Amino acid sequence: MIECLCMVQAGQISADAEAALRDETNAFSERAFSAPAVMNWIVVPERSGYTAARPSTSVIVSMQSNRKLSQSERVTLLKELCDIWMKGANRSMEEVVATIRDPEG
């Protein structure tokens, strides 16, 4: 299983969009790591997340790989993950913060 942390602002993503993002992120995990994503979906309460002194419109998705990734593979996977979240959350590249971490140890 692949740990996946997703943070969104309250009211930012509809229930339908959340379900689609969960499905697409899990499908990505299956393709990239041959393992399902275990989602930890965190909703930040309204007026609790700010960027440059304004309510944040950013989303965060962070996954932990099950193997060490080469730089080129990481770049390719991050692009795909960002594309999924830009489309699914209706956000620009500047509003999607994505990471794929190597396993610890």
PDB file of N, CA and C in Angstrom:
ATOM      1  N   MET A   1       0.826  -1.179   0.000  1.00  0.00           N
ATOM      2  CA  MET A   1       0.000   0.000   0.000  1.00  0.00           C
ATOM      3  C   MET A   1       0.877   1.250   0.000  1.00  0.00           C
ATOM      4  N   ILE A   2       0.382   2.261  -0.678  1.00  0.00           N
ATOM      5  CA  ILE A   2       1.110   3.519  -0.820  1.00  0.00           C
ATOM      6  C   ILE A   2       0.410   4.585   0.014  1.00  0.00           C
ATOM      7  N   GLU A   3       1.134   5.142   0.986  1.00  0.00           N
ATOM      8  CA  GLU A   3       0.566   6.216   1.801  1.00  0.00           C
ATOM      9  C   GLU A   3       0.386   7.460   0.953  1.00  0.00           C
ATOM     10  N   CYS A   4      -0.784   8.086   1.079  1.00  0.00           N
ATOM     11  CA  CYS A   4      -1.089   9.280   0.307  1.00  0.00           C
ATOM     12  C   CYS A   4      -1.822  10.276   1.195  1.00  0.00           C
ATOM     13  N   LEU A   5      -1.244  11.446   1.367  1.00  0.00           N
ATOM     14  CA  LEU A   5      -1.843  12.524   2.138  1.00  0.00           C
ATOM     15  C   LEU A   5      -2.387  13.564   1.172  1.00  0.00           C
ATOM     16  N   CYS A   6      -3.655  13.918   1.341  1.00  0.00           N
ATOM     17  CA  CYS A   6      -4.291  14.929   0.494  1.00  0.00           C
ATOM     18  C   CYS A   6      -4.868  16.001   1.404  1.00  0.00           C
ATOM     19  N   MET A   7      -4.524  17.255   1.141  1.00  0.00           N
ATOM     20  CA  MET A   7      -5.049  18.374   1.923  1.00  0.00           C
ATOM     21  C   MET A   7      -5.748  19.349   0.989  1.00  0.00           C
ATOM     22  N   VAL A   8      -6.990  19.663   1.347  1.00  0.00           N
ATOM     23  CA  VAL A   8      -7.796  20.611   0.578  1.00  0.00           C
ATOM     24  C   VAL A   8      -8.469  21.569   1.548  1.00  0.00           C
ATOM     25  N   GLN A   9      -8.852  22.716   1.049  1.00  0.00           N
ATOM     26  CA  GLN A   9      -9.586  23.691   1.849  1.00  0.00           C
ATOM     27  C   GLN A   9     -11.075  23.329   1.849  1.00  0.00           C
ATOM     28  N   ALA A  10     -11.749  23.542   2.968  1.00  0.00           N
ATOM     29  CA  ALA A  10     -13.190  23.287   3.054  1.00  0.00           C
ATOM     30  C   ALA A  10     -13.918  24.071   1.970  1.00  0.00           C
ATOM     31  N   GLY A  11     -14.869  23.419   1.326  1.00  0.00           N
ATOM     32  CA  GLY A  11     -15.669  24.055   0.297  1.00  0.00           C
ATOM     33  C   GLY A  11     -14.987  24.184  -1.046  1.00  0.00           C
ATOM     34  N   GLN A  12     -13.763  23.716  -1.141  1.00  0.00           N
ATOM     35  CA  GLN A  12     -12.963  23.878  -2.355  1.00  0.00           C
ATOM     36  C   GLN A  12     -13.285  22.816  -3.406  1.00  0.00           C
ATOM     37  N   ILE A  13     -13.614  21.614  -2.963  1.00  0.00           N
ATOM     38  CA  ILE A  13     -13.810  20.484  -3.874  1.00  0.00           C
ATOM     39  C   ILE A  13     -15.137  19.814  -3.546  1.00  0.00           C
ATOM     40  N   SER A  14     -15.957  19.626  -4.551  1.00  0.00           N
ATOM     41  CA  SER A  14     -17.260  18.977  -4.355  1.00  0.00           C
ATOM     42  C   SER A  14     -17.069  17.510  -3.994  1.00  0.00           C
ATOM     43  N   ALA A  15     -18.126  16.914  -3.476  1.00  0.00           N
ATOM     44  CA  ALA A  15     -18.082  15.485  -3.133  1.00  0.00           C
ATOM     45  C   ALA A  15     -17.803  14.637  -4.371  1.00  0.00           C
ATOM     46  N   ASP A  16     -18.398  15.011  -5.515  1.00  0.00           N
ATOM     47  CA  ASP A  16     -18.150  14.263  -6.754  1.00  0.00           C
ATOM     48  C   ASP A  16     -16.692  14.384  -7.184  1.00  0.00           C
ATOM     49  N   ALA A  17     -16.140  15.599  -7.100  1.00  0.00           N
ATOM     50  CA  ALA A  17     -14.735  15.804  -7.477  1.00  0.00           C
ATOM     51  C   ALA A  17     -13.813  15.053  -6.520  1.00  0.00           C
ATOM     52  N   GLU A  18     -14.140  15.034  -5.237  1.00  0.00           N
ATOM     53  CA  GLU A  18     -13.331  14.289  -4.268  1.00  0.00           C
ATOM     54  C   GLU A  18     -13.320  12.801  -4.611  1.00  0.00           C
ATOM     55  N   ALA A  19     -14.499  12.255  -4.898  1.00  0.00           N
ATOM     56  CA  ALA A  19     -14.579  10.830  -5.246  1.00  0.00           C
ATOM     57  C   ALA A  19     -13.757  10.532  -6.496  1.00  0.00           C
ATOM     58  N   ALA A  20     -13.844  11.403  -7.490  1.00  0.00           N
ATOM     59  CA  ALA A  20     -13.081  11.200  -8.723  1.00  0.00           C
ATOM     60  C   ALA A  20     -11.579  11.311  -8.451  1.00  0.00           C
ATOM     61  N   LEU A  21     -11.170  12.282  -7.639  1.00  0.00           N
ATOM     62  CA  LEU A  21      -9.744  12.427  -7.303  1.00  0.00           C
ATOM     63  C   LEU A  21      -9.228  11.213  -6.537  1.00  0.00           C
ATOM     64  N   ARG A  22     -10.028  10.709  -5.627  1.00  0.00           N
ATOM     65  CA  ARG A  22      -9.627   9.502  -4.893  1.00  0.00           C
ATOM     66  C   ARG A  22      -9.427   8.339  -5.872  1.00  0.00           C
ATOM     67  N   ASP A  23     -10.375   8.161  -6.784  1.00  0.00           N
ATOM     68  CA  ASP A  23     -10.282   7.077  -7.765  1.00  0.00           C
ATOM     69  C   ASP A  23      -9.080   7.255  -8.686  1.00  0.00           C
ATOM     70  N   GLU A  24      -8.892   8.457  -9.200  1.00  0.00           N
ATOM     71  CA  GLU A  24      -7.780   8.726 -10.123  1.00  0.00           C
ATOM     72  C   GLU A  24      -6.430   8.593  -9.422  1.00  0.00           C
ATOM     73  N   THR A  25      -6.342   9.058  -8.177  1.00  0.00           N
ATOM     74  CA  THR A  25      -5.089   8.953  -7.434  1.00  0.00           C
ATOM     75  C   THR A  25      -4.775   7.490  -7.129  1.00  0.00           C
ATOM     76  N   ASN A  26      -5.787   6.712  -6.795  1.00  0.00           N
ATOM     77  CA  ASN A  26      -5.579   5.283  -6.562  1.00  0.00           C
ATOM     78  C   ASN A  26      -5.152   4.581  -7.843  1.00  0.00           C
ATOM     79  N   ALA A  27      -5.797   4.917  -8.961  1.00  0.00           N
ATOM     80  CA  ALA A  27      -5.417   4.315 -10.248  1.00  0.00           C
ATOM     81  C   ALA A  27      -3.971   4.676 -10.599  1.00  0.00           C
ATOM     82  N   PHE A  28      -3.584   5.923 -10.334  1.00  0.00           N
ATOM     83  CA  PHE A  28      -2.198   6.351 -10.547  1.00  0.00           C
ATOM     84  C   PHE A  28      -1.250   5.500  -9.698  1.00  0.00           C
ATOM     85  N   SER A  29      -1.592   5.303  -8.433  1.00  0.00           N
ATOM     86  CA  SER A  29      -0.757   4.511  -7.532  1.00  0.00           C
ATOM     87  C   SER A  29      -0.604   3.081  -8.040  1.00  0.00           C
ATOM     88  N   GLU A  30      -1.689   2.516  -8.516  1.00  0.00           N
ATOM     89  CA  GLU A  30      -1.643   1.152  -9.058  1.00  0.00           C
ATOM     90  C   GLU A  30      -0.726   1.087 -10.283  1.00  0.00           C
ATOM     91  N   ARG A  31      -0.831   2.093 -11.172  1.00  0.00           N
ATOM     92  CA  ARG A  31       0.020   2.117 -12.378  1.00  0.00           C
ATOM     93  C   ARG A  31       1.489   2.344 -12.019  1.00  0.00           C
ATOM     94  N   ALA A  32       1.737   3.309 -11.145  1.00  0.00           N
ATOM     95  CA  ALA A  32       3.108   3.719 -10.851  1.00  0.00           C
ATOM     96  C   ALA A  32       3.834   2.764  -9.908  1.00  0.00           C
ATOM     97  N   PHE A  33       3.101   2.220  -8.923  1.00  0.00           N
ATOM     98  CA  PHE A  33       3.757   1.458  -7.863  1.00  0.00           C
ATOM     99  C   PHE A  33       3.210   0.035  -7.703  1.00  0.00           C
ATOM    100  N   SER A  34       2.260  -0.338  -8.550  1.00  0.00           N
ATOM    101  CA  SER A  34       1.628  -1.662  -8.467  1.00  0.00           C
ATOM    102  C   SER A  34       1.062  -1.937  -7.081  1.00  0.00           C
ATOM    103  N   ALA A  35       0.532  -0.891  -6.466  1.00  0.00           N
ATOM    104  CA  ALA A  35      -0.045  -1.009  -5.125  1.00  0.00           C
ATOM    105  C   ALA A  35      -1.116   0.067  -4.960  1.00  0.00           C
ATOM    106  N   PRO A  36      -2.163  -0.249  -4.182  1.00  0.00           N
ATOM    107  CA  PRO A  36      -3.222   0.741  -3.970  1.00  0.00           C
ATOM    108  C   PRO A  36      -2.766   1.873  -3.049  1.00  0.00           C
ATOM    109  N   ALA A  37      -3.414   3.016  -3.203  1.00  0.00           N
ATOM    110  CA  ALA A  37      -3.153   4.162  -2.330  1.00  0.00           C
ATOM    111  C   ALA A  37      -4.016   4.059  -1.079  1.00  0.00           C
ATOM    112  N   VAL A  38      -3.421   4.337   0.062  1.00  0.00           N
ATOM    113  CA  VAL A  38      -4.152   4.470   1.316  1.00  0.00           C
ATOM    114  C   VAL A  38      -4.269   5.972   1.552  1.00  0.00           C
ATOM    115  N   MET A  39      -5.489   6.492   1.378  1.00  0.00           N
ATOM    116  CA  MET A  39      -5.702   7.928   1.378  1.00  0.00           C
ATOM    117  C   MET A  39      -5.958   8.460   2.789  1.00  0.00           C
ATOM    118  N   ASN A  40      -5.257   9.540   3.121  1.00  0.00           N
ATOM    119  CA  ASN A  40      -5.525  10.316   4.322  1.00  0.00           C
ATOM    120  C   ASN A  40      -5.974  11.684   3.816  1.00  0.00           C
ATOM    121  N   TRP A  41      -7.277  11.892   3.729  1.00  0.00           N
ATOM    122  CA  TRP A  41      -7.877  13.096   3.136  1.00  0.00           C
ATOM    123  C   TRP A  41      -8.154  14.081   4.264  1.00  0.00           C
ATOM    124  N   ILE A  42      -7.478  15.221   4.250  1.00  0.00           N
ATOM    125  CA  ILE A  42      -7.631  16.223   5.298  1.00  0.00           C
ATOM    126  C   ILE A  42      -8.288  17.462   4.712  1.00  0.00           C
ATOM    127  N   VAL A  43      -9.366  17.891   5.350  1.00  0.00           N
ATOM    128  CA  VAL A  43     -10.045  19.114   4.943  1.00  0.00           C
ATOM    129  C   VAL A  43      -9.674  20.204   5.948  1.00  0.00           C
ATOM    130  N   VAL A  44      -9.036  21.248   5.455  1.00  0.00           N
ATOM    131  CA  VAL A  44      -8.636  22.376   6.289  1.00  0.00           C
ATOM    132  C   VAL A  44      -9.851  23.294   6.434  1.00  0.00           C
ATOM    133  N   PRO A  45     -10.261  23.606   7.659  1.00  0.00           N
ATOM    134  CA  PRO A  45     -11.439  24.457   7.839  1.00  0.00           C
ATOM    135  C   PRO A  45     -11.285  25.816   7.148  1.00  0.00           C
ATOM    136  N   GLU A  46     -12.426  26.364   6.719  1.00  0.00           N
ATOM    137  CA  GLU A  46     -12.409  27.674   6.078  1.00  0.00           C
ATOM    138  C   GLU A  46     -11.711  28.684   6.980  1.00  0.00           C
ATOM    139  N   ARG A  47     -10.978  29.583   6.369  1.00  0.00           N
ATOM    140  CA  ARG A  47     -10.222  30.648   7.038  1.00  0.00           C
ATOM    141  C   ARG A  47      -9.099  30.119   7.928  1.00  0.00           C
ATOM    142  N   SER A  48      -8.648  28.892   7.658  1.00  0.00           N
ATOM    143  CA  SER A  48      -7.533  28.328   8.421  1.00  0.00           C
ATOM    144  C   SER A  48      -6.291  28.132   7.566  1.00  0.00           C
ATOM    145  N   GLY A  49      -6.398  28.264   6.253  1.00  0.00           N
ATOM    146  CA  GLY A  49      -5.257  28.106   5.362  1.00  0.00           C
ATOM    147  C   GLY A  49      -5.087  29.353   4.522  1.00  0.00           C
ATOM    148  N   TYR A  50      -3.879  29.906   4.554  1.00  0.00           N
ATOM    149  CA  TYR A  50      -3.609  31.149   3.828  1.00  0.00           C
ATOM    150  C   TYR A  50      -2.331  31.033   3.015  1.00  0.00           C
ATOM    151  N   THR A  51      -2.313  31.741   1.904  1.00  0.00           N
ATOM    152  CA  THR A  51      -1.121  31.901   1.082  1.00  0.00           C
ATOM    153  C   THR A  51      -1.002  33.381   0.766  1.00  0.00           C
ATOM    154  N   ALA A  52       0.124  33.982   1.105  1.00  0.00           N
ATOM    155  CA  ALA A  52       0.361  35.409   0.860  1.00  0.00           C
ATOM    156  C   ALA A  52      -0.771  36.252   1.447  1.00  0.00           C
ATOM    157  N   ALA A  53      -1.181  35.929   2.673  1.00  0.00           N
ATOM    158  CA  ALA A  53      -2.191  36.670   3.435  1.00  0.00           C
ATOM    159  C   ALA A  53      -3.585  36.621   2.815  1.00  0.00           C
ATOM    160  N   ARG A  54      -3.830  35.666   1.930  1.00  0.00           N
ATOM    161  CA  ARG A  54      -5.156  35.468   1.332  1.00  0.00           C
ATOM    162  C   ARG A  54      -5.570  34.021   1.557  1.00  0.00           C
ATOM    163  N   PRO A  55      -6.890  33.770   1.618  1.00  0.00           N
ATOM    164  CA  PRO A  55      -7.329  32.371   1.756  1.00  0.00           C
ATOM    165  C   PRO A  55      -6.705  31.502   0.656  1.00  0.00           C
ATOM    166  N   SER A  56      -6.150  30.391   1.060  1.00  0.00           N
ATOM    167  CA  SER A  56      -5.448  29.525   0.126  1.00  0.00           C
ATOM    168  C   SER A  56      -6.401  28.840  -0.843  1.00  0.00           C
ATOM    169  N   THR A  57      -5.957  28.708  -2.067  1.00  0.00           N
ATOM    170  CA  THR A  57      -6.687  27.929  -3.079  1.00  0.00           C
ATOM    171  C   THR A  57      -5.878  26.689  -3.455  1.00  0.00           C
ATOM    172  N   SER A  58      -4.795  26.449  -2.740  1.00  0.00           N
ATOM    173  CA  SER A  58      -3.903  25.331  -3.054  1.00  0.00           C
ATOM    174  C   SER A  58      -4.437  24.003  -2.543  1.00  0.00           C
ATOM    175  N   VAL A  59      -4.024  22.944  -3.221  1.00  0.00           N
ATOM    176  CA  VAL A  59      -4.251  21.581  -2.772  1.00  0.00           C
ATOM    177  C   VAL A  59      -2.882  20.927  -2.629  1.00  0.00           C
ATOM    178  N   ILE A  60      -2.782  19.986  -1.712  1.00  0.00           N
ATOM    179  CA  ILE A  60      -1.521  19.278  -1.478  1.00  0.00           C
ATOM    180  C   ILE A  60      -1.782  17.790  -1.615  1.00  0.00           C
ATOM    181  N   VAL A  61      -0.929  17.115  -2.364  1.00  0.00           N
ATOM    182  CA  VAL A  61      -0.982  15.661  -2.456  1.00  0.00           C
ATOM    183  C   VAL A  61       0.445  15.147  -2.293  1.00  0.00           C
ATOM    184  N   SER A  62       0.634  14.260  -1.324  1.00  0.00           N
ATOM    185  CA  SER A  62       1.961  13.739  -1.023  1.00  0.00           C
ATOM    186  C   SER A  62       1.883  12.219  -0.910  1.00  0.00           C
ATOM    187  N   MET A  63       2.722  11.543  -1.693  1.00  0.00           N
ATOM    188  CA  MET A  63       2.736  10.077  -1.695  1.00  0.00           C
ATOM    189  C   MET A  63       4.123   9.581  -1.304  1.00  0.00           C
ATOM    190  N   GLN A  64       4.157   8.380  -0.750  1.00  0.00           N
ATOM    191  CA  GLN A  64       5.438   7.739  -0.455  1.00  0.00           C
ATOM    192  C   GLN A  64       5.585   6.526  -1.345  1.00  0.00           C
ATOM    193  N   SER A  65       6.603   6.537  -2.171  1.00  0.00           N
ATOM    194  CA  SER A  65       6.882   5.444  -3.093  1.00  0.00           C
ATOM    195  C   SER A  65       7.259   4.184  -2.320  1.00  0.00           C
ATOM    196  N   ASN A  66       7.102   3.054  -2.960  1.00  0.00           N
ATOM    197  CA  ASN A  66       7.521   1.788  -2.359  1.00  0.00           C
ATOM    198  C   ASN A  66       8.913   1.358  -2.842  1.00  0.00           C
ATOM    199  N   ARG A  67       9.561   2.259  -3.586  1.00  0.00           N
ATOM    200  CA  ARG A  67      10.928   1.999  -4.058  1.00  0.00           C
ATOM    201  C   ARG A  67      11.618   3.339  -4.302  1.00  0.00           C
ATOM    202  N   LYS A  68      12.945   3.296  -4.319  1.00  0.00           N
ATOM    203  CA  LYS A  68      13.702   4.508  -4.629  1.00  0.00           C
ATOM    204  C   LYS A  68      13.495   4.848  -6.107  1.00  0.00           C
ATOM    205  N   LEU A  69      13.245   6.122  -6.377  1.00  0.00           N
ATOM    206  CA  LEU A  69      12.980   6.566  -7.750  1.00  0.00           C
ATOM    207  C   LEU A  69      14.173   7.322  -8.315  1.00  0.00           C
ATOM    208  N   SER A  70      14.436   7.117  -9.587  1.00  0.00           N
ATOM    209  CA  SER A  70      15.436   7.950 -10.262  1.00  0.00           C
ATOM    210  C   SER A  70      14.819   9.332 -10.459  1.00  0.00           C
ATOM    211  N   GLN A  71      15.652  10.321 -10.671  1.00  0.00           N
ATOM    212  CA  GLN A  71      15.156  11.680 -10.870  1.00  0.00           C
ATOM    213  C   GLN A  71      14.222  11.763 -12.079  1.00  0.00           C
ATOM    214  N   SER A  72      14.581  11.113 -13.167  1.00  0.00           N
ATOM    215  CA  SER A  72      13.749  11.182 -14.372  1.00  0.00           C
ATOM    216  C   SER A  72      12.390  10.513 -14.146  1.00  0.00           C
ATOM    217  N   GLU A  73      12.370   9.386 -13.438  1.00  0.00           N
ATOM    218  CA  GLU A  73      11.100   8.726 -13.156  1.00  0.00           C
ATOM    219  C   GLU A  73      10.248   9.594 -12.227  1.00  0.00           C
ATOM    220  N   ARG A  74      10.881  10.203 -11.217  1.00  0.00           N
ATOM    221  CA  ARG A  74      10.150  11.068 -10.285  1.00  0.00           C
ATOM    222  C   ARG A  74       9.501  12.239 -11.021  1.00  0.00           C
ATOM    223  N   VAL A  75      10.246  12.861 -11.934  1.00  0.00           N
ATOM    224  CA  VAL A  75       9.715  13.983 -12.709  1.00  0.00           C
ATOM    225  C   VAL A  75       8.501  13.546 -13.525  1.00  0.00           C
ATOM    226  N   THR A  76       8.603  12.408 -14.189  1.00  0.00           N
ATOM    227  CA  THR A  76       7.499  11.891 -14.995  1.00  0.00           C
ATOM    228  C   THR A  76       6.275  11.606 -14.135  1.00  0.00           C
ATOM    229  N   LEU A  77       6.476  10.955 -12.996  1.00  0.00           N
ATOM    230  CA  LEU A  77       5.367  10.627 -12.104  1.00  0.00           C
ATOM    231  C   LEU A  77       4.740  11.882 -11.500  1.00  0.00           C
ATOM    232  N   LEU A  78       5.569  12.845 -11.108  1.00  0.00           N
ATOM    233  CA  LEU A  78       5.037  14.089 -10.547  1.00  0.00           C
ATOM    234  C   LEU A  78       4.210  14.856 -11.569  1.00  0.00           C
ATOM    235  N   LYS A  79       4.647  14.857 -12.811  1.00  0.00           N
ATOM    236  CA  LYS A  79       3.872  15.537 -13.856  1.00  0.00           C
ATOM    237  C   LYS A  79       2.504  14.887 -13.988  1.00  0.00           C
ATOM    238  N   GLU A  80       2.471  13.550 -14.017  1.00  0.00           N
ATOM    239  CA  GLU A  80       1.198  12.853 -14.144  1.00  0.00           C
ATOM    240  C   GLU A  80       0.300  13.118 -12.935  1.00  0.00           C
ATOM    241  N   LEU A  81       0.863  13.059 -11.740  1.00  0.00           N
ATOM    242  CA  LEU A  81       0.089  13.306 -10.527  1.00  0.00           C
ATOM    243  C   LEU A  81      -0.450  14.740 -10.504  1.00  0.00           C
ATOM    244  N   CYS A  82       0.378  15.697 -10.868  1.00  0.00           N
ATOM    245  CA  CYS A  82      -0.078  17.101 -10.924  1.00  0.00           C
ATOM    246  C   CYS A  82      -1.185  17.276 -11.955  1.00  0.00           C
ATOM    247  N   ASP A  83      -1.050  16.637 -13.094  1.00  0.00           N
ATOM    248  CA  ASP A  83      -2.095  16.728 -14.124  1.00  0.00           C
ATOM    249  C   ASP A  83      -3.429  16.197 -13.600  1.00  0.00           C
ATOM    250  N   ILE A  84      -3.388  15.086 -12.884  1.00  0.00           N
ATOM    251  CA  ILE A  84      -4.606  14.505 -12.304  1.00  0.00           C
ATOM    252  C   ILE A  84      -5.262  15.510 -11.371  1.00  0.00           C
ATOM    253  N   TRP A  85      -4.451  16.113 -10.505  1.00  0.00           N
ATOM    254  CA  TRP A  85      -5.001  17.031  -9.512  1.00  0.00           C
ATOM    255  C   TRP A  85      -5.388  18.385 -10.103  1.00  0.00           C
ATOM    256  N   MET A  86      -4.671  18.863 -11.093  1.00  0.00           N
ATOM    257  CA  MET A  86      -5.073  20.121 -11.736  1.00  0.00           C
ATOM    258  C   MET A  86      -6.441  19.951 -12.380  1.00  0.00           C
ATOM    259  N   LYS A  87      -6.626  18.863 -13.088  1.00  0.00           N
ATOM    260  CA  LYS A  87      -7.902  18.605 -13.756  1.00  0.00           C
ATOM    261  C   LYS A  87      -9.002  18.323 -12.738  1.00  0.00           C
ATOM    262  N   GLY A  88      -8.754  17.404 -11.818  1.00  0.00           N
ATOM    263  CA  GLY A  88      -9.781  16.976 -10.872  1.00  0.00           C
ATOM    264  C   GLY A  88     -10.197  18.029  -9.860  1.00  0.00           C
ATOM    265  N   ALA A  89      -9.253  18.880  -9.461  1.00  0.00           N
ATOM    266  CA  ALA A  89      -9.548  19.928  -8.481  1.00  0.00           C
ATOM    267  C   ALA A  89      -9.785  21.283  -9.147  1.00  0.00           C
ATOM    268  N   ASN A  90      -9.669  21.309 -10.470  1.00  0.00           N
ATOM    269  CA  ASN A  90      -9.828  22.552 -11.225  1.00  0.00           C
ATOM    270  C   ASN A  90      -8.877  23.627 -10.687  1.00  0.00           C
ATOM    271  N   ARG A  91      -7.597  23.269 -10.630  1.00  0.00           N
ATOM    272  CA  ARG A  91      -6.565  24.170 -10.105  1.00  0.00           C
ATOM    273  C   ARG A  91      -5.459  24.340 -11.142  1.00  0.00           C
ATOM    274  N   SER A  92      -4.738  25.443 -11.028  1.00  0.00           N
ATOM    275  CA  SER A  92      -3.591  25.695 -11.901  1.00  0.00           C
ATOM    276  C   SER A  92      -2.361  24.982 -11.336  1.00  0.00           C
ATOM    277  N   MET A  93      -1.300  24.942 -12.124  1.00  0.00           N
ATOM    278  CA  MET A  93      -0.048  24.329 -11.674  1.00  0.00           C
ATOM    279  C   MET A  93       0.471  25.011 -10.404  1.00  0.00           C
ATOM    280  N   GLU A  94       0.250  26.325 -10.291  1.00  0.00           N
ATOM    281  CA  GLU A  94       0.717  27.062  -9.117  1.00  0.00           C
ATOM    282  C   GLU A  94      -0.073  26.717  -7.856  1.00  0.00           C
ATOM    283  N   GLU A  95      -1.234  26.082  -8.023  1.00  0.00           N
ATOM    284  CA  GLU A  95      -2.080  25.756  -6.880  1.00  0.00           C
ATOM    285  C   GLU A  95      -1.983  24.297  -6.449  1.00  0.00           C
ATOM    286  N   VAL A  96      -1.215  23.499  -7.159  1.00  0.00           N
ATOM    287  CA  VAL A  96      -1.058  22.086  -6.813  1.00  0.00           C
ATOM    288  C   VAL A  96       0.355  21.868  -6.276  1.00  0.00           C
ATOM    289  N   VAL A  97       0.427  21.404  -5.036  1.00  0.00           N
ATOM    290  CA  VAL A  97       1.702  21.060  -4.405  1.00  0.00           C
ATOM    291  C   VAL A  97       1.735  19.538  -4.319  1.00  0.00           C
ATOM    292  N   ALA A  98       2.649  18.917  -5.041  1.00  0.00           N
ATOM    293  CA  ALA A  98       2.717  17.447  -5.076  1.00  0.00           C
ATOM    294  C   ALA A  98       4.132  16.984  -4.728  1.00  0.00           C
ATOM    295  N   THR A  99       4.179  15.899  -3.967  1.00  0.00           N
ATOM    296  CA  THR A  99       5.460  15.269  -3.670  1.00  0.00           C
ATOM    297  C   THR A  99       5.305  13.759  -3.795  1.00  0.00           C
ATOM    298  N   ILE A 100       6.398  13.115  -4.183  1.00  0.00           N
ATOM    299  CA  ILE A 100       6.493  11.654  -4.123  1.00  0.00           C
ATOM    300  C   ILE A 100       7.823  11.361  -3.438  1.00  0.00           C
ATOM    301  N   ARG A 101       7.710  10.851  -2.215  1.00  0.00           N
ATOM    302  CA  ARG A 101       8.892  10.610  -1.394  1.00  0.00           C
ATOM    303  C   ARG A 101       9.377   9.173  -1.565  1.00  0.00           C
ATOM    304  N   ASP A 102      10.702   8.992  -1.477  1.00  0.00           N
ATOM    305  CA  ASP A 102      11.269   7.639  -1.452  1.00  0.00           C
ATOM    306  C   ASP A 102      10.934   6.994  -0.115  1.00  0.00           C
ATOM    307  N   PRO A 103      10.989   5.671  -0.047  1.00  0.00           N
ATOM    308  CA  PRO A 103      10.738   4.993   1.240  1.00  0.00           C
ATOM    309  C   PRO A 103      11.782   5.418   2.267  1.00  0.00           C
ATOM    310  N   GLU A 104      11.371   5.392   3.509  1.00  0.00           N
ATOM    311  CA  GLU A 104      12.309   5.739   4.585  1.00  0.00           C
ATOM    312  C   GLU A 104      13.286   4.584   4.790  1.00  0.00           C
ATOM    313  N   GLY A 105      14.486   4.953   5.188  1.00  0.00           N
ATOM    314  CA  GLY A 105      15.464   3.925   5.530  1.00  0.00           C
ATOM    315  C   GLY A 105      16.314   3.513   4.447  1.00  0.00           C
TER     316      GLY A 105
END
